[in-house]
Amino acid sequence: MARVASNPVGFHRFRPCFQTPPLPRYVKPSIHFPNHHRRFPTVSCQQTPSTTEKSVVEPGSGPPEFPNKNTNRQVAVVSTLAALALFLSARLDFGVSLKDLSVAALPYEEALSNGKPTVVEFYADWCEVCRELAPDVYKVEQKYKGRVNFVMLNVDNTKWEQELDEFGVEGIPHFAFLDKAGNEEGNVVGRLPEKYLLENVDALARGEASIPHARVVGQFSSAEARKVHQVSDARSHG
């Protein structure tokens, strides 16, 4: 076997045989961009047409028209008139007075002889409640006109002293409800809802044997405050 020569210094150290490859040198890129200027779209403002030009707008193709001050004023006037007309129609009888009712009333003697039921109202011109209820009485009269007699007797007239005693009038307004034969079926005295008078008159008009409100008393004026006077006209029921 061959003998390895001895190295007095020692074994040679191991040297790696790998070498780092040299880094590549920086190479300037050879990419070339075309030398073109970027163009942006041009925006031009449209000039306002001159005032001498006339634009033609076809019907229905233009913008909606908004109401002007005159239109708003007209609408307000129409609305006001409509509200006033509604109010007047609801209160058409507001101006009805006791005198109007008295003039339109049927004479007492005639009412007792025509074979119809009768409503007799005892009243006075100074009676505040009587004046207040006049519009309600008028409306009921108009509804049952021709089927029921309506009589007005003024308590200040001495002509009706006997009737005052007969019907026991102590307060006014006093409404006495008589059937076709002149017999009293009941009475309503003073300030009461309109339906009391309306329902009683309706029962008379239909020939009912009784009325729904036969003895009802509300706020009234005392008949003792009468201002007695004599009326010469025999047919006068005032």
C-alpha atoms as a PDB file:
ATOM      1  CA  MET A   1       0.000   0.000   0.000  1.00  0.00           C
ATOM      2  CA  ALA A   2       1.295   3.375  -0.947  1.00  0.00           C
ATOM      3  CA  ARG A   3       2.051   5.581   1.895  1.00  0.00           C
ATOM      4  CA  VAL A   4       0.753   9.042   2.041  1.00  0.00           C
ATOM      5  CA  ALA A   5       3.438  11.542   2.363  1.00  0.00           C
ATOM      6  CA  SER A   6       3.259  13.338   5.560  1.00  0.00           C
ATOM      7  CA  ASN A   7       2.681  17.027   5.633  1.00  0.00           C
ATOM      8  CA  PRO A   8       4.678  18.561   8.297  1.00  0.00           C
ATOM      9  CA  VAL A   9       2.413  21.528   8.462  1.00  0.00           C
ATOM     10  CA  GLY A  10      -0.745  19.485   8.616  1.00  0.00           C
ATOM     11  CA  PHE A  11      -3.662  18.694   6.417  1.00  0.00           C
ATOM     12  CA  HIS A  12      -4.676  21.184   3.838  1.00  0.00           C
ATOM     13  CA  ARG A  13      -7.912  22.837   4.740  1.00  0.00           C
ATOM     14  CA  PHE A  14     -10.928  22.108   2.574  1.00  0.00           C
ATOM     15  CA  ARG A  15     -11.752  24.878   0.235  1.00  0.00           C
ATOM     16  CA  PRO A  16     -15.210  24.981  -1.163  1.00  0.00           C
ATOM     17  CA  CYS A  17     -15.401  24.789  -4.874  1.00  0.00           C
ATOM     18  CA  PHE A  18     -18.598  26.839  -5.090  1.00  0.00           C
ATOM     19  CA  GLN A  19     -18.187  30.335  -6.410  1.00  0.00           C
ATOM     20  CA  THR A  20     -20.765  33.117  -6.315  1.00  0.00           C
ATOM     21  CA  PRO A  21     -21.635  34.138  -9.842  1.00  0.00           C
ATOM     22  CA  PRO A  22     -20.949  37.748 -10.601  1.00  0.00           C
ATOM     23  CA  LEU A  23     -23.931  40.057 -10.434  1.00  0.00           C
ATOM     24  CA  PRO A  24     -25.127  41.216 -13.785  1.00  0.00           C
ATOM     25  CA  ARG A  25     -24.380  44.731 -14.638  1.00  0.00           C
ATOM     26  CA  TYR A  26     -27.244  47.182 -14.752  1.00  0.00           C
ATOM     27  CA  VAL A  27     -28.447  47.426 -18.227  1.00  0.00           C
ATOM     28  CA  LYS A  28     -30.429  50.475 -19.207  1.00  0.00           C
ATOM     29  CA  PRO A  29     -33.795  49.367 -20.459  1.00  0.00           C
ATOM     30  CA  SER A  30     -34.239  49.731 -24.099  1.00  0.00           C
ATOM     31  CA  ILE A  31     -38.051  50.321 -23.933  1.00  0.00           C
ATOM     32  CA  HIS A  32     -39.014  53.310 -26.003  1.00  0.00           C
ATOM     33  CA  PHE A  33     -42.375  55.140 -25.540  1.00  0.00           C
ATOM     34  CA  PRO A  34     -43.817  56.854 -28.546  1.00  0.00           C
ATOM     35  CA  ASN A  35     -43.542  60.572 -28.258  1.00  0.00           C
ATOM     36  CA  HIS A  36     -47.234  61.364 -28.652  1.00  0.00           C
ATOM     37  CA  HIS A  37     -48.992  64.169 -26.800  1.00  0.00           C
ATOM     38  CA  ARG A  38     -52.167  63.057 -24.955  1.00  0.00           C
ATOM     39  CA  ARG A  39     -55.186  64.798 -26.276  1.00  0.00           C
ATOM     40  CA  PHE A  40     -58.256  65.552 -24.107  1.00  0.00           C
ATOM     41  CA  PRO A  41     -61.731  66.120 -25.558  1.00  0.00           C
ATOM     42  CA  THR A  42     -62.568  69.743 -25.966  1.00  0.00           C
ATOM     43  CA  VAL A  43     -65.710  71.007 -24.186  1.00  0.00           C
ATOM     44  CA  SER A  44     -67.289  74.075 -25.678  1.00  0.00           C
ATOM     45  CA  CYS A  45     -70.056  76.122 -24.016  1.00  0.00           C
ATOM     46  CA  GLN A  46     -73.199  76.670 -25.991  1.00  0.00           C
ATOM     47  CA  GLN A  47     -73.956  80.286 -26.473  1.00  0.00           C
ATOM     48  CA  THR A  48     -77.251  81.663 -25.211  1.00  0.00           C
ATOM     49  CA  PRO A  49     -79.515  82.373 -28.157  1.00  0.00           C
ATOM     50  CA  SER A  50     -80.223  85.973 -28.778  1.00  0.00           C
ATOM     51  CA  THR A  51     -83.449  87.507 -27.557  1.00  0.00           C
ATOM     52  CA  THR A  52     -84.596  88.091 -31.096  1.00  0.00           C
ATOM     53  CA  GLU A  53     -84.931  84.366 -31.710  1.00  0.00           C
ATOM     54  CA  LYS A  54     -88.272  82.724 -30.947  1.00  0.00           C
ATOM     55  CA  SER A  55     -88.394  79.196 -29.657  1.00  0.00           C
ATOM     56  CA  VAL A  56     -91.369  77.144 -30.720  1.00  0.00           C
ATOM     57  CA  VAL A  57     -92.638  74.703 -28.111  1.00  0.00           C
ATOM     58  CA  GLU A  58     -95.152  72.136 -29.127  1.00  0.00           C
ATOM     59  CA  PRO A  59     -98.168  71.659 -26.849  1.00  0.00           C
ATOM     60  CA  GLY A  60     -97.458  69.174 -24.108  1.00  0.00           C
ATOM     61  CA  SER A  61     -93.714  69.081 -24.752  1.00  0.00           C
ATOM     62  CA  GLY A  62     -92.722  72.023 -22.558  1.00  0.00           C
ATOM     63  CA  PRO A  63     -92.084  72.106 -18.809  1.00  0.00           C
ATOM     64  CA  PRO A  64     -95.116  72.227 -16.471  1.00  0.00           C
ATOM     65  CA  GLU A  65     -96.455  75.642 -15.690  1.00  0.00           C
ATOM     66  CA  PHE A  66     -96.421  76.613 -12.018  1.00  0.00           C
ATOM     67  CA  PRO A  67     -99.214  78.759 -10.581  1.00  0.00           C
ATOM     68  CA  ASN A  68     -98.362  82.391 -10.227  1.00  0.00           C
ATOM     69  CA  LYS A  69     -99.607  84.863  -7.643  1.00  0.00           C
ATOM     70  CA  ASN A  70    -102.767  85.630  -9.611  1.00  0.00           C
ATOM     71  CA  THR A  71    -103.680  81.959  -9.816  1.00  0.00           C
ATOM     72  CA  ASN A  72    -103.125  81.482  -6.085  1.00  0.00           C
ATOM     73  CA  ARG A  73    -105.279  84.521  -5.366  1.00  0.00           C
ATOM     74  CA  GLN A  74    -108.080  83.174  -7.544  1.00  0.00           C
ATOM     75  CA  VAL A  75    -107.924  79.782  -5.823  1.00  0.00           C
ATOM     76  CA  ALA A  76    -108.093  81.479  -2.414  1.00  0.00           C
ATOM     77  CA  VAL A  77    -111.118  83.547  -3.453  1.00  0.00           C
ATOM     78  CA  VAL A  78    -112.945  80.507  -4.832  1.00  0.00           C
ATOM     79  CA  SER A  79    -112.219  78.509  -1.665  1.00  0.00           C
ATOM     80  CA  THR A  80    -113.485  81.349   0.517  1.00  0.00           C
ATOM     81  CA  LEU A  81    -116.682  81.688  -1.493  1.00  0.00           C
ATOM     82  CA  ALA A  82    -117.269  77.936  -1.357  1.00  0.00           C
ATOM     83  CA  ALA A  83    -116.828  77.882   2.419  1.00  0.00           C
ATOM     84  CA  LEU A  84    -119.170  80.863   2.781  1.00  0.00           C
ATOM     85  CA  ALA A  85    -121.801  79.230   0.584  1.00  0.00           C
ATOM     86  CA  LEU A  86    -121.588  76.039   2.649  1.00  0.00           C
ATOM     87  CA  PHE A  87    -121.975  78.009   5.867  1.00  0.00           C
ATOM     88  CA  LEU A  88    -124.956  79.959   4.545  1.00  0.00           C
ATOM     89  CA  SER A  89    -126.630  76.823   3.236  1.00  0.00           C
ATOM     90  CA  ALA A  90    -126.268  75.199   6.657  1.00  0.00           C
ATOM     91  CA  ARG A  91    -127.512  78.321   8.437  1.00  0.00           C
ATOM     92  CA  LEU A  92    -130.054  79.563   5.916  1.00  0.00           C
ATOM     93  CA  ASP A  93    -132.637  79.882   8.645  1.00  0.00           C
ATOM     94  CA  PHE A  94    -130.375  81.878  10.963  1.00  0.00           C
ATOM     95  CA  GLY A  95    -132.346  85.081  10.386  1.00  0.00           C
ATOM     96  CA  VAL A  96    -135.773  83.563  11.173  1.00  0.00           C
ATOM     97  CA  SER A  97    -137.511  85.581  13.873  1.00  0.00           C
ATOM     98  CA  LEU A  98    -140.536  85.053  16.074  1.00  0.00           C
ATOM     99  CA  LYS A  99    -142.398  87.600  13.994  1.00  0.00           C
ATOM    100  CA  ASP A 100    -141.756  85.539  10.848  1.00  0.00           C
ATOM    101  CA  LEU A 101    -143.112  82.446  12.561  1.00  0.00           C
ATOM    102  CA  SER A 102    -146.131  84.333  13.843  1.00  0.00           C
ATOM    103  CA  VAL A 103    -147.008  85.687  10.394  1.00  0.00           C
ATOM    104  CA  ALA A 104    -146.738  82.236   8.801  1.00  0.00           C
ATOM    105  CA  ALA A 105    -148.645  80.487  11.591  1.00  0.00           C
ATOM    106  CA  LEU A 106    -152.191  79.231  11.159  1.00  0.00           C
ATOM    107  CA  PRO A 107    -154.991  80.880  13.192  1.00  0.00           C
ATOM    108  CA  TYR A 108    -155.874  78.830  16.258  1.00  0.00           C
ATOM    109  CA  GLU A 109    -159.569  78.435  15.419  1.00  0.00           C
ATOM    110  CA  GLU A 110    -158.791  77.264  11.901  1.00  0.00           C
ATOM    111  CA  ALA A 111    -156.233  74.747  13.121  1.00  0.00           C
ATOM    112  CA  LEU A 112    -158.797  73.121  15.445  1.00  0.00           C
ATOM    113  CA  SER A 113    -161.293  72.673  12.618  1.00  0.00           C
ATOM    114  CA  ASN A 114    -159.293  71.334   9.643  1.00  0.00           C
ATOM    115  CA  GLY A 115    -158.866  67.764  10.923  1.00  0.00           C
ATOM    116  CA  LYS A 116    -155.047  67.846  11.181  1.00  0.00           C
ATOM    117  CA  PRO A 117    -152.824  67.458  14.227  1.00  0.00           C
ATOM    118  CA  THR A 118    -151.596  70.738  15.685  1.00  0.00           C
ATOM    119  CA  VAL A 119    -148.567  72.153  17.472  1.00  0.00           C
ATOM    120  CA  VAL A 120    -149.376  75.232  19.571  1.00  0.00           C
ATOM    121  CA  GLU A 121    -146.467  77.367  20.701  1.00  0.00           C
ATOM    122  CA  PHE A 122    -146.990  79.887  23.502  1.00  0.00           C
ATOM    123  CA  TYR A 123    -144.330  82.574  23.219  1.00  0.00           C
ATOM    124  CA  ALA A 124    -143.451  86.229  23.855  1.00  0.00           C
ATOM    125  CA  ASP A 125    -141.320  88.690  21.898  1.00  0.00           C
ATOM    126  CA  TRP A 126    -139.158  89.350  24.974  1.00  0.00           C
ATOM    127  CA  CYS A 127    -138.511  85.641  25.576  1.00  0.00           C
ATOM    128  CA  GLU A 128    -134.846  84.925  24.895  1.00  0.00           C
ATOM    129  CA  VAL A 129    -135.301  81.159  24.698  1.00  0.00           C
ATOM    130  CA  CYS A 130    -138.198  81.611  22.272  1.00  0.00           C
ATOM    131  CA  ARG A 131    -136.005  83.670  19.955  1.00  0.00           C
ATOM    132  CA  GLU A 132    -133.190  81.149  20.218  1.00  0.00           C
ATOM    133  CA  LEU A 133    -135.411  78.219  19.214  1.00  0.00           C
ATOM    134  CA  ALA A 134    -137.093  80.040  16.311  1.00  0.00           C
ATOM    135  CA  PRO A 135    -134.751  78.589  13.626  1.00  0.00           C
ATOM    136  CA  ASP A 136    -135.329  75.025  14.883  1.00  0.00           C
ATOM    137  CA  VAL A 137    -139.090  75.525  14.904  1.00  0.00           C
ATOM    138  CA  TYR A 138    -138.938  76.911  11.379  1.00  0.00           C
ATOM    139  CA  LYS A 139    -137.048  73.860  10.066  1.00  0.00           C
ATOM    140  CA  VAL A 140    -139.572  71.467  11.595  1.00  0.00           C
ATOM    141  CA  GLU A 141    -142.460  73.493  10.197  1.00  0.00           C
ATOM    142  CA  GLN A 142    -141.002  73.393   6.702  1.00  0.00           C
ATOM    143  CA  LYS A 143    -140.526  69.625   6.886  1.00  0.00           C
ATOM    144  CA  TYR A 144    -144.113  68.876   7.990  1.00  0.00           C
ATOM    145  CA  LYS A 145    -145.880  71.746   6.311  1.00  0.00           C
ATOM    146  CA  GLY A 146    -149.290  70.659   5.016  1.00  0.00           C
ATOM    147  CA  ARG A 147    -149.522  67.651   7.353  1.00  0.00           C
ATOM    148  CA  VAL A 148    -149.371  69.368  10.749  1.00  0.00           C
ATOM    149  CA  ASN A 149    -150.766  72.745  11.821  1.00  0.00           C
ATOM    150  CA  PHE A 150    -148.421  75.214  13.533  1.00  0.00           C
ATOM    151  CA  VAL A 151    -149.990  77.871  15.728  1.00  0.00           C
ATOM    152  CA  MET A 152    -148.302  80.758  17.564  1.00  0.00           C
ATOM    153  CA  LEU A 153    -150.034  82.289  20.618  1.00  0.00           C
ATOM    154  CA  ASN A 154    -148.504  85.357  22.265  1.00  0.00           C
ATOM    155  CA  VAL A 155    -148.873  85.172  26.049  1.00  0.00           C
ATOM    156  CA  ASP A 156    -148.885  88.976  26.235  1.00  0.00           C
ATOM    157  CA  ASN A 157    -152.220  89.020  24.419  1.00  0.00           C
ATOM    158  CA  THR A 158    -155.138  88.900  26.846  1.00  0.00           C
ATOM    159  CA  LYS A 159    -157.164  87.123  24.178  1.00  0.00           C
ATOM    160  CA  TRP A 160    -155.460  83.853  25.158  1.00  0.00           C
ATOM    161  CA  GLU A 161    -156.075  83.924  28.885  1.00  0.00           C
ATOM    162  CA  GLN A 162    -158.382  80.911  28.679  1.00  0.00           C
ATOM    163  CA  GLU A 163    -155.867  78.906  26.624  1.00  0.00           C
ATOM    164  CA  LEU A 164    -153.105  79.773  29.092  1.00  0.00           C
ATOM    165  CA  ASP A 165    -155.176  78.280  31.892  1.00  0.00           C
ATOM    166  CA  GLU A 166    -156.375  75.345  29.802  1.00  0.00           C
ATOM    167  CA  PHE A 167    -152.857  74.238  28.863  1.00  0.00           C
ATOM    168  CA  GLY A 168    -151.323  75.211  32.208  1.00  0.00           C
ATOM    169  CA  VAL A 169    -148.728  77.548  30.725  1.00  0.00           C
ATOM    170  CA  GLU A 170    -146.269  78.668  33.401  1.00  0.00           C
ATOM    171  CA  GLY A 171    -143.080  78.935  31.339  1.00  0.00           C
ATOM    172  CA  ILE A 172    -142.337  79.750  27.720  1.00  0.00           C
ATOM    173  CA  PRO A 173    -141.764  78.603  25.111  1.00  0.00           C
ATOM    174  CA  HIS A 174    -144.514  76.084  25.765  1.00  0.00           C
ATOM    175  CA  PHE A 175    -145.243  73.601  22.955  1.00  0.00           C
ATOM    176  CA  ALA A 176    -148.564  71.765  23.181  1.00  0.00           C
ATOM    177  CA  PHE A 177    -149.111  68.761  20.863  1.00  0.00           C
ATOM    178  CA  LEU A 178    -152.725  68.117  19.838  1.00  0.00           C
ATOM    179  CA  ASP A 179    -154.107  65.191  17.877  1.00  0.00           C
ATOM    180  CA  LYS A 180    -156.568  65.508  14.990  1.00  0.00           C
ATOM    181  CA  ALA A 181    -159.479  65.909  17.418  1.00  0.00           C
ATOM    182  CA  GLY A 182    -157.748  68.718  19.330  1.00  0.00           C
ATOM    183  CA  ASN A 183    -156.891  66.626  22.379  1.00  0.00           C
ATOM    184  CA  GLU A 184    -153.552  67.351  24.003  1.00  0.00           C
ATOM    185  CA  GLU A 185    -151.140  64.412  23.951  1.00  0.00           C
ATOM    186  CA  GLY A 186    -148.308  66.156  25.796  1.00  0.00           C
ATOM    187  CA  ASN A 187    -146.132  69.252  25.953  1.00  0.00           C
ATOM    188  CA  VAL A 188    -142.523  70.381  25.902  1.00  0.00           C
ATOM    189  CA  VAL A 189    -141.405  73.479  27.788  1.00  0.00           C
ATOM    190  CA  GLY A 190    -138.216  75.528  27.532  1.00  0.00           C
ATOM    191  CA  ARG A 191    -134.866  75.058  25.804  1.00  0.00           C
ATOM    192  CA  LEU A 192    -134.509  71.485  24.618  1.00  0.00           C
ATOM    193  CA  PRO A 193    -132.761  69.734  21.695  1.00  0.00           C
ATOM    194  CA  GLU A 194    -134.420  70.052  18.304  1.00  0.00           C
ATOM    195  CA  LYS A 195    -134.987  66.293  18.140  1.00  0.00           C
ATOM    196  CA  TYR A 196    -137.612  66.514  20.911  1.00  0.00           C
ATOM    197  CA  LEU A 197    -139.779  68.757  18.768  1.00  0.00           C
ATOM    198  CA  LEU A 198    -138.968  66.841  15.603  1.00  0.00           C
ATOM    199  CA  GLU A 199    -139.825  63.413  17.024  1.00  0.00           C
ATOM    200  CA  ASN A 200    -143.064  64.640  18.594  1.00  0.00           C
ATOM    201  CA  VAL A 201    -144.224  66.294  15.359  1.00  0.00           C
ATOM    202  CA  ASP A 202    -143.294  63.198  13.392  1.00  0.00           C
ATOM    203  CA  ALA A 203    -145.437  61.074  15.700  1.00  0.00           C
ATOM    204  CA  LEU A 204    -148.374  63.466  15.173  1.00  0.00           C
ATOM    205  CA  ALA A 205    -147.936  63.380  11.398  1.00  0.00           C
ATOM    206  CA  ARG A 206    -147.975  59.552  11.392  1.00  0.00           C
ATOM    207  CA  GLY A 207    -151.087  59.437  13.593  1.00  0.00           C
ATOM    208  CA  GLU A 208    -149.398  57.719  16.528  1.00  0.00           C
ATOM    209  CA  ALA A 209    -151.478  57.219  19.673  1.00  0.00           C
ATOM    210  CA  SER A 210    -148.827  58.981  21.771  1.00  0.00           C
ATOM    211  CA  ILE A 211    -145.736  61.129  21.374  1.00  0.00           C
ATOM    212  CA  PRO A 212    -142.247  60.097  22.582  1.00  0.00           C
ATOM    213  CA  HIS A 213    -141.689  63.239  24.689  1.00  0.00           C
ATOM    214  CA  ALA A 214    -144.962  63.991  26.456  1.00  0.00           C
ATOM    215  CA  ARG A 215    -143.718  65.847  29.540  1.00  0.00           C
ATOM    216  CA  VAL A 216    -140.325  67.461  29.197  1.00  0.00           C
ATOM    217  CA  VAL A 217    -139.157  70.701  30.786  1.00  0.00           C
ATOM    218  CA  GLY A 218    -135.958  72.628  30.041  1.00  0.00           C
ATOM    219  CA  GLN A 219    -134.737  76.137  30.753  1.00  0.00           C
ATOM    220  CA  PHE A 220    -137.604  78.558  30.145  1.00  0.00           C
ATOM    221  CA  SER A 221    -138.796  82.110  30.708  1.00  0.00           C
ATOM    222  CA  SER A 222    -141.480  82.631  33.366  1.00  0.00           C
ATOM    223  CA  ALA A 223    -144.924  83.428  32.001  1.00  0.00           C
ATOM    224  CA  GLU A 224    -145.486  85.693  35.011  1.00  0.00           C
ATOM    225  CA  ALA A 225    -143.343  88.325  33.268  1.00  0.00           C
ATOM    226  CA  ARG A 226    -146.083  88.885  30.685  1.00  0.00           C
ATOM    227  CA  LYS A 227    -146.609  92.356  29.286  1.00  0.00           C
ATOM    228  CA  VAL A 228    -150.354  92.137  28.907  1.00  0.00           C
ATOM    229  CA  HIS A 229    -151.998  94.026  26.051  1.00  0.00           C
ATOM    230  CA  GLN A 230    -155.216  93.734  24.074  1.00  0.00           C
ATOM    231  CA  VAL A 231    -155.264  93.154  20.321  1.00  0.00           C
ATOM    232  CA  SER A 232    -158.323  94.462  18.487  1.00  0.00           C
ATOM    233  CA  ASP A 233    -158.066  92.159  15.475  1.00  0.00           C
ATOM    234  CA  ALA A 234    -160.155  89.081  16.255  1.00  0.00           C
ATOM    235  CA  ARG A 235    -158.150  86.924  13.825  1.00  0.00           C
ATOM    236  CA  SER A 236    -154.828  87.969  15.310  1.00  0.00           C
ATOM    237  CA  HIS A 237    -153.013  85.135  17.028  1.00  0.00           C
ATOM    238  CA  GLY A 238    -150.082  87.336  18.043  1.00  0.00           C
END
